Amino acid sequence: MYPAELVKPMRQDLASAGFEELHTAEAVEKAINKEGITLVVVNSVCGCAAANARPAAKMSLVNTKKPDHLVTVFAGVDTEAVNAARGLMVPFPPSSPSMALFKNGELVHMIERHHIEGRPAEMIAENLIGAYNEFC
């Protein structure tokens, strides 16, 4: 849906912080079902992804406890991967950007778009850090 040249810097923003990009449903299922804690960021081209979600995801990693695995899918680009990730985030409705924390394949914490819009990245990072401290 979006041209590769448009999303490339948005992808690299998380990839440069250690997030593995997932492009297929199989890759998503394999990553989320790994033993340990997995943070999944549903990336997006919207302004709240740039100003709030991506910075928050990166800030949250400056913590003693953090996820074992960091992965990302891109809404509007990696349709198969995004659909697979969202399928594992039920009962939460699809939203992007969003972030989900999985423990041994089980969803344990969710941050939806409405938790991201209008909130500073620091507040979102604190939310994630709280989840890391509880589940990691």
N, C-alpha and C. Protein backbone atom coordinates (compact mmCIF):
# COMPACT_ATOMS: atom_id res chain seq x y z
N MET A 1 0.81 -1.18 0.00
CA MET A 1 0.00 0.00 0.00
C MET A 1 0.87 1.26 0.00
N TYR A 2 1.97 1.26 0.77
CA TYR A 2 2.87 2.40 0.79
C TYR A 2 4.13 2.06 0.03
N PRO A 3 4.71 3.03 -0.69
CA PRO A 3 5.95 2.77 -1.42
C PRO A 3 7.11 2.46 -0.48
N ALA A 4 7.96 1.55 -0.90
CA ALA A 4 9.09 1.11 -0.08
C ALA A 4 9.99 2.28 0.31
N GLU A 5 10.21 3.22 -0.60
CA GLU A 5 11.09 4.35 -0.29
C GLU A 5 10.50 5.26 0.79
N LEU A 6 9.18 5.29 0.89
CA LEU A 6 8.53 6.11 1.92
C LEU A 6 8.72 5.49 3.30
N VAL A 7 8.55 4.18 3.41
CA VAL A 7 8.59 3.53 4.72
C VAL A 7 9.99 3.11 5.16
N LYS A 8 10.94 3.15 4.26
CA LYS A 8 12.30 2.69 4.59
C LYS A 8 12.86 3.36 5.85
N PRO A 9 12.83 4.70 5.96
CA PRO A 9 13.39 5.30 7.19
C PRO A 9 12.57 4.95 8.44
N MET A 10 11.29 4.73 8.29
CA MET A 10 10.44 4.37 9.42
C MET A 10 10.74 2.95 9.88
N ARG A 11 11.04 2.08 8.93
CA ARG A 11 11.46 0.72 9.26
C ARG A 11 12.81 0.75 9.97
N GLN A 12 13.73 1.51 9.41
CA GLN A 12 15.10 1.56 9.94
C GLN A 12 15.14 2.13 11.35
N ASP A 13 14.19 2.99 11.68
CA ASP A 13 14.14 3.58 13.00
C ASP A 13 14.10 2.49 14.07
N LEU A 14 13.27 1.49 13.88
CA LEU A 14 13.19 0.39 14.85
C LEU A 14 14.27 -0.66 14.61
N ALA A 15 14.56 -0.95 13.36
CA ALA A 15 15.59 -1.95 13.06
C ALA A 15 16.94 -1.55 13.65
N SER A 16 17.26 -0.27 13.59
CA SER A 16 18.54 0.20 14.14
C SER A 16 18.59 0.09 15.66
N ALA A 17 17.43 -0.05 16.29
CA ALA A 17 17.36 -0.23 17.74
C ALA A 17 17.31 -1.70 18.13
N GLY A 18 17.43 -2.59 17.14
CA GLY A 18 17.48 -4.02 17.43
C GLY A 18 16.20 -4.79 17.18
N PHE A 19 15.19 -4.14 16.60
CA PHE A 19 13.94 -4.83 16.29
C PHE A 19 14.08 -5.61 14.99
N GLU A 20 13.65 -6.86 15.02
CA GLU A 20 13.65 -7.70 13.83
C GLU A 20 12.37 -7.44 13.05
N GLU A 21 12.52 -7.16 11.77
CA GLU A 21 11.35 -6.94 10.91
C GLU A 21 10.79 -8.28 10.47
N LEU A 22 9.48 -8.42 10.61
CA LEU A 22 8.81 -9.66 10.21
C LEU A 22 7.90 -9.35 9.03
N HIS A 23 7.94 -10.20 8.02
CA HIS A 23 7.20 -9.94 6.78
C HIS A 23 6.16 -10.99 6.44
N THR A 24 6.17 -12.12 7.16
CA THR A 24 5.24 -13.20 6.84
C THR A 24 4.51 -13.66 8.10
N ALA A 25 3.39 -14.31 7.90
CA ALA A 25 2.62 -14.85 9.03
C ALA A 25 3.44 -15.91 9.77
N GLU A 26 4.15 -16.73 9.03
CA GLU A 26 4.98 -17.77 9.64
C GLU A 26 6.05 -17.16 10.54
N ALA A 27 6.69 -16.11 10.08
CA ALA A 27 7.72 -15.45 10.88
C ALA A 27 7.13 -14.86 12.16
N VAL A 28 5.94 -14.29 12.06
CA VAL A 28 5.27 -13.71 13.23
C VAL A 28 4.95 -14.80 14.25
N GLU A 29 4.33 -15.87 13.81
CA GLU A 29 3.96 -16.95 14.73
C GLU A 29 5.19 -17.56 15.39
N LYS A 30 6.25 -17.74 14.63
CA LYS A 30 7.49 -18.30 15.17
C LYS A 30 8.08 -17.35 16.22
N ALA A 31 8.12 -16.06 15.91
CA ALA A 31 8.71 -15.08 16.82
C ALA A 31 7.91 -14.94 18.11
N ILE A 32 6.61 -14.85 17.99
CA ILE A 32 5.76 -14.64 19.17
C ILE A 32 5.73 -15.87 20.06
N ASN A 33 5.85 -17.03 19.47
CA ASN A 33 5.79 -18.26 20.26
C ASN A 33 7.14 -18.71 20.81
N LYS A 34 8.17 -17.89 20.62
CA LYS A 34 9.46 -18.22 21.21
C LYS A 34 9.34 -18.18 22.73
N GLU A 35 10.18 -18.96 23.37
CA GLU A 35 10.22 -18.93 24.83
C GLU A 35 10.74 -17.56 25.28
N GLY A 36 10.12 -17.02 26.30
CA GLY A 36 10.55 -15.73 26.82
C GLY A 36 9.55 -14.64 26.51
N ILE A 37 10.02 -13.42 26.64
CA ILE A 37 9.19 -12.23 26.45
C ILE A 37 9.49 -11.61 25.09
N THR A 38 8.43 -11.34 24.33
CA THR A 38 8.55 -10.74 23.01
C THR A 38 7.73 -9.47 22.94
N LEU A 39 8.38 -8.38 22.54
CA LEU A 39 7.68 -7.13 22.29
C LEU A 39 7.42 -7.03 20.79
N VAL A 40 6.16 -6.82 20.43
CA VAL A 40 5.77 -6.66 19.03
C VAL A 40 5.30 -5.22 18.85
N VAL A 41 5.92 -4.49 17.93
CA VAL A 41 5.49 -3.14 17.60
C VAL A 41 4.85 -3.18 16.22
N VAL A 42 3.59 -2.78 16.15
CA VAL A 42 2.92 -2.62 14.85
C VAL A 42 3.23 -1.18 14.43
N ASN A 43 4.17 -1.06 13.52
CA ASN A 43 4.66 0.24 13.05
C ASN A 43 3.68 0.83 12.06
N SER A 44 3.77 2.13 11.84
CA SER A 44 2.82 2.83 10.99
C SER A 44 3.46 4.09 10.43
N VAL A 45 2.86 4.62 9.36
CA VAL A 45 3.34 5.87 8.77
C VAL A 45 2.75 7.10 9.46
N CYS A 46 1.82 6.92 10.36
CA CYS A 46 1.14 8.07 10.98
C CYS A 46 2.07 8.87 11.88
N GLY A 47 1.67 10.07 12.14
CA GLY A 47 2.46 10.96 12.97
C GLY A 47 2.66 10.47 14.39
N CYS A 48 1.65 9.80 14.95
CA CYS A 48 1.81 9.34 16.34
C CYS A 48 2.79 8.17 16.43
N ALA A 49 3.03 7.48 15.33
CA ALA A 49 4.07 6.45 15.33
C ALA A 49 5.45 7.10 15.39
N ALA A 50 5.61 8.17 14.61
CA ALA A 50 6.89 8.86 14.55
C ALA A 50 7.19 9.62 15.83
N ALA A 51 6.19 10.32 16.35
CA ALA A 51 6.41 11.19 17.50
C ALA A 51 6.32 10.45 18.84
N ASN A 52 5.54 9.37 18.89
CA ASN A 52 5.25 8.76 20.17
C ASN A 52 5.64 7.28 20.24
N ALA A 53 5.15 6.47 19.31
CA ALA A 53 5.30 5.02 19.43
C ALA A 53 6.74 4.55 19.25
N ARG A 54 7.36 4.90 18.14
CA ARG A 54 8.74 4.42 17.92
C ARG A 54 9.69 4.96 18.97
N PRO A 55 9.64 6.27 19.29
CA PRO A 55 10.53 6.74 20.35
C PRO A 55 10.27 6.05 21.70
N ALA A 56 9.01 5.80 22.02
CA ALA A 56 8.68 5.13 23.28
C ALA A 56 9.23 3.71 23.31
N ALA A 57 9.08 2.99 22.22
CA ALA A 57 9.59 1.62 22.16
C ALA A 57 11.09 1.61 22.41
N LYS A 58 11.80 2.54 21.79
CA LYS A 58 13.25 2.60 21.96
C LYS A 58 13.62 3.05 23.38
N MET A 59 12.95 4.05 23.91
CA MET A 59 13.22 4.54 25.28
C MET A 59 13.00 3.44 26.31
N SER A 60 12.00 2.61 26.09
CA SER A 60 11.64 1.59 27.06
C SER A 60 12.73 0.55 27.25
N LEU A 61 13.64 0.48 26.31
CA LEU A 61 14.69 -0.54 26.38
C LEU A 61 15.83 -0.14 27.30
N VAL A 62 15.79 1.09 27.81
CA VAL A 62 16.78 1.54 28.78
C VAL A 62 16.22 1.21 30.16
N ASN A 63 16.25 -0.06 30.48
CA ASN A 63 15.68 -0.57 31.72
C ASN A 63 16.42 -1.86 32.07
N THR A 64 16.51 -2.15 33.34
CA THR A 64 17.18 -3.37 33.76
C THR A 64 16.50 -4.60 33.18
N LYS A 65 15.18 -4.63 33.30
CA LYS A 65 14.40 -5.74 32.74
C LYS A 65 13.85 -5.29 31.40
N LYS A 66 14.00 -6.17 30.40
CA LYS A 66 13.47 -5.86 29.08
C LYS A 66 13.18 -7.16 28.34
N PRO A 67 12.43 -7.07 27.26
CA PRO A 67 12.06 -8.28 26.51
C PRO A 67 13.27 -9.02 25.96
N ASP A 68 13.08 -10.32 25.81
CA ASP A 68 14.12 -11.16 25.20
C ASP A 68 14.17 -10.97 23.69
N HIS A 69 13.02 -10.66 23.11
CA HIS A 69 12.91 -10.57 21.65
C HIS A 69 12.16 -9.29 21.28
N LEU A 70 12.66 -8.60 20.27
CA LEU A 70 12.04 -7.36 19.78
C LEU A 70 11.71 -7.56 18.32
N VAL A 71 10.43 -7.42 17.96
CA VAL A 71 10.02 -7.61 16.57
C VAL A 71 9.06 -6.51 16.16
N THR A 72 8.95 -6.30 14.86
CA THR A 72 8.05 -5.30 14.34
C THR A 72 7.45 -5.75 13.02
N VAL A 73 6.22 -5.31 12.81
CA VAL A 73 5.52 -5.49 11.53
C VAL A 73 5.04 -4.11 11.11
N PHE A 74 4.84 -3.91 9.82
CA PHE A 74 4.50 -2.57 9.34
C PHE A 74 3.11 -2.57 8.72
N ALA A 75 2.18 -1.85 9.36
CA ALA A 75 0.81 -1.75 8.87
C ALA A 75 0.79 -1.05 7.51
N GLY A 76 -0.01 -1.58 6.60
CA GLY A 76 -0.11 -1.00 5.27
C GLY A 76 0.99 -1.45 4.34
N VAL A 77 1.90 -2.29 4.84
CA VAL A 77 3.01 -2.78 4.01
C VAL A 77 3.09 -4.30 4.11
N ASP A 78 3.31 -4.79 5.32
CA ASP A 78 3.46 -6.23 5.56
C ASP A 78 2.11 -6.83 5.96
N THR A 79 1.17 -6.83 5.03
CA THR A 79 -0.21 -7.20 5.34
C THR A 79 -0.32 -8.58 5.98
N GLU A 80 0.35 -9.56 5.43
CA GLU A 80 0.27 -10.92 5.96
C GLU A 80 0.80 -10.97 7.40
N ALA A 81 1.93 -10.34 7.64
CA ALA A 81 2.53 -10.34 8.97
C ALA A 81 1.66 -9.56 9.96
N VAL A 82 1.15 -8.42 9.54
CA VAL A 82 0.31 -7.60 10.41
C VAL A 82 -0.96 -8.35 10.78
N ASN A 83 -1.59 -8.99 9.82
CA ASN A 83 -2.81 -9.76 10.10
C ASN A 83 -2.54 -10.90 11.08
N ALA A 84 -1.40 -11.56 10.91
CA ALA A 84 -1.05 -12.64 11.83
C ALA A 84 -0.82 -12.11 13.24
N ALA A 85 -0.10 -11.00 13.35
CA ALA A 85 0.16 -10.41 14.67
C ALA A 85 -1.15 -9.97 15.32
N ARG A 86 -1.98 -9.30 14.56
CA ARG A 86 -3.26 -8.83 15.11
C ARG A 86 -4.15 -10.00 15.53
N GLY A 87 -4.07 -11.09 14.80
CA GLY A 87 -4.84 -12.28 15.16
C GLY A 87 -4.44 -12.82 16.52
N LEU A 88 -3.18 -12.60 16.91
CA LEU A 88 -2.70 -13.06 18.21
C LEU A 88 -2.93 -12.02 19.31
N MET A 89 -3.43 -10.85 18.91
CA MET A 89 -3.70 -9.77 19.86
C MET A 89 -5.18 -9.68 20.24
N VAL A 90 -5.98 -10.63 19.78
CA VAL A 90 -7.40 -10.67 20.12
C VAL A 90 -7.51 -10.82 21.63
N PRO A 91 -8.39 -10.13 22.30
CA PRO A 91 -9.62 -9.50 21.85
C PRO A 91 -9.48 -8.02 21.49
N PHE A 92 -8.26 -7.51 21.43
CA PHE A 92 -8.08 -6.11 21.10
C PHE A 92 -8.31 -5.88 19.62
N PRO A 93 -9.03 -4.80 19.27
CA PRO A 93 -9.29 -4.52 17.86
C PRO A 93 -8.00 -4.07 17.16
N PRO A 94 -7.93 -4.28 15.85
CA PRO A 94 -6.75 -3.85 15.11
C PRO A 94 -6.53 -2.34 15.25
N SER A 95 -5.29 -1.97 15.52
CA SER A 95 -4.94 -0.56 15.53
C SER A 95 -3.46 -0.42 15.24
N SER A 96 -3.12 0.70 14.63
CA SER A 96 -1.72 0.97 14.38
C SER A 96 -1.49 2.47 14.52
N PRO A 97 -0.41 2.81 15.17
CA PRO A 97 0.55 1.89 15.79
C PRO A 97 -0.04 1.25 17.04
N SER A 98 0.59 0.17 17.44
CA SER A 98 0.24 -0.49 18.69
C SER A 98 1.44 -1.32 19.13
N MET A 99 1.40 -1.77 20.37
CA MET A 99 2.49 -2.58 20.91
C MET A 99 1.90 -3.66 21.79
N ALA A 100 2.47 -4.83 21.69
CA ALA A 100 1.99 -5.96 22.48
C ALA A 100 3.17 -6.70 23.08
N LEU A 101 2.99 -7.13 24.31
CA LEU A 101 4.01 -7.92 24.99
C LEU A 101 3.47 -9.33 25.17
N PHE A 102 4.25 -10.28 24.72
CA PHE A 102 3.88 -11.69 24.81
C PHE A 102 4.87 -12.42 25.71
N LYS A 103 4.36 -13.31 26.54
CA LYS A 103 5.20 -14.17 27.38
C LYS A 103 4.94 -15.60 26.97
N ASN A 104 5.96 -16.24 26.42
CA ASN A 104 5.84 -17.62 25.94
C ASN A 104 4.62 -17.79 25.04
N GLY A 105 4.40 -16.81 24.16
CA GLY A 105 3.31 -16.88 23.19
C GLY A 105 1.97 -16.37 23.68
N GLU A 106 1.86 -16.00 24.95
CA GLU A 106 0.60 -15.51 25.51
C GLU A 106 0.64 -13.99 25.65
N LEU A 107 -0.40 -13.33 25.15
CA LEU A 107 -0.50 -11.88 25.26
C LEU A 107 -0.66 -11.49 26.73
N VAL A 108 0.26 -10.64 27.23
CA VAL A 108 0.19 -10.25 28.64
C VAL A 108 0.02 -8.74 28.83
N HIS A 109 0.27 -7.95 27.77
CA HIS A 109 0.15 -6.50 27.89
C HIS A 109 -0.07 -5.91 26.50
N MET A 110 -0.97 -4.93 26.42
CA MET A 110 -1.30 -4.34 25.13
C MET A 110 -1.38 -2.83 25.25
N ILE A 111 -0.80 -2.15 24.27
CA ILE A 111 -0.92 -0.70 24.16
C ILE A 111 -1.52 -0.43 22.79
N GLU A 112 -2.76 0.07 22.80
CA GLU A 112 -3.46 0.36 21.56
C GLU A 112 -3.19 1.79 21.10
N ARG A 113 -3.60 2.08 19.88
CA ARG A 113 -3.40 3.41 19.32
C ARG A 113 -3.96 4.51 20.23
N HIS A 114 -5.13 4.28 20.81
CA HIS A 114 -5.72 5.32 21.65
C HIS A 114 -4.92 5.56 22.92
N HIS A 115 -4.00 4.63 23.27
CA HIS A 115 -3.09 4.84 24.40
C HIS A 115 -1.83 5.59 23.95
N ILE A 116 -1.66 5.70 22.64
CA ILE A 116 -0.46 6.32 22.07
C ILE A 116 -0.73 7.75 21.62
N GLU A 117 -1.84 7.95 20.94
CA GLU A 117 -2.19 9.28 20.42
C GLU A 117 -2.28 10.29 21.56
N GLY A 118 -1.62 11.42 21.37
CA GLY A 118 -1.74 12.52 22.32
C GLY A 118 -0.97 12.33 23.62
N ARG A 119 -0.23 11.24 23.74
CA ARG A 119 0.56 11.01 24.94
C ARG A 119 2.04 11.13 24.60
N PRO A 120 2.82 11.70 25.49
CA PRO A 120 4.25 11.81 25.20
C PRO A 120 4.93 10.44 25.19
N ALA A 121 5.98 10.33 24.42
CA ALA A 121 6.72 9.08 24.31
C ALA A 121 7.19 8.59 25.68
N GLU A 122 7.57 9.51 26.55
CA GLU A 122 8.06 9.13 27.88
C GLU A 122 6.98 8.41 28.68
N MET A 123 5.73 8.84 28.56
CA MET A 123 4.63 8.21 29.28
C MET A 123 4.37 6.79 28.74
N ILE A 124 4.45 6.65 27.43
CA ILE A 124 4.25 5.33 26.82
C ILE A 124 5.40 4.41 27.21
N ALA A 125 6.63 4.95 27.21
CA ALA A 125 7.80 4.15 27.62
C ALA A 125 7.64 3.68 29.06
N GLU A 126 7.14 4.55 29.94
CA GLU A 126 6.92 4.17 31.34
C GLU A 126 5.90 3.04 31.45
N ASN A 127 4.87 3.08 30.60
CA ASN A 127 3.88 2.01 30.57
C ASN A 127 4.56 0.69 30.21
N LEU A 128 5.38 0.72 29.17
CA LEU A 128 6.09 -0.50 28.75
C LEU A 128 7.05 -0.98 29.84
N ILE A 129 7.78 -0.06 30.44
CA ILE A 129 8.73 -0.44 31.49
C ILE A 129 8.00 -1.10 32.66
N GLY A 130 6.83 -0.58 33.01
CA GLY A 130 6.03 -1.21 34.05
C GLY A 130 5.69 -2.65 33.70
N ALA A 131 5.34 -2.86 32.43
CA ALA A 131 5.04 -4.23 31.97
C ALA A 131 6.29 -5.11 31.99
N TYR A 132 7.43 -4.55 31.57
CA TYR A 132 8.68 -5.32 31.60
C TYR A 132 9.00 -5.73 33.04
N ASN A 133 8.86 -4.79 33.96
CA ASN A 133 9.17 -5.07 35.35
C ASN A 133 8.25 -6.14 35.94
N GLU A 134 7.04 -6.22 35.43
CA GLU A 134 6.11 -7.24 35.91
C GLU A 134 6.32 -8.60 35.24
N PHE A 135 6.60 -8.61 33.94
CA PHE A 135 6.61 -9.87 33.20
C PHE A 135 7.98 -10.40 32.80
N CYS A 136 8.99 -9.56 32.81
CA CYS A 136 10.33 -10.01 32.36
C CYS A 136 11.13 -10.60 33.52
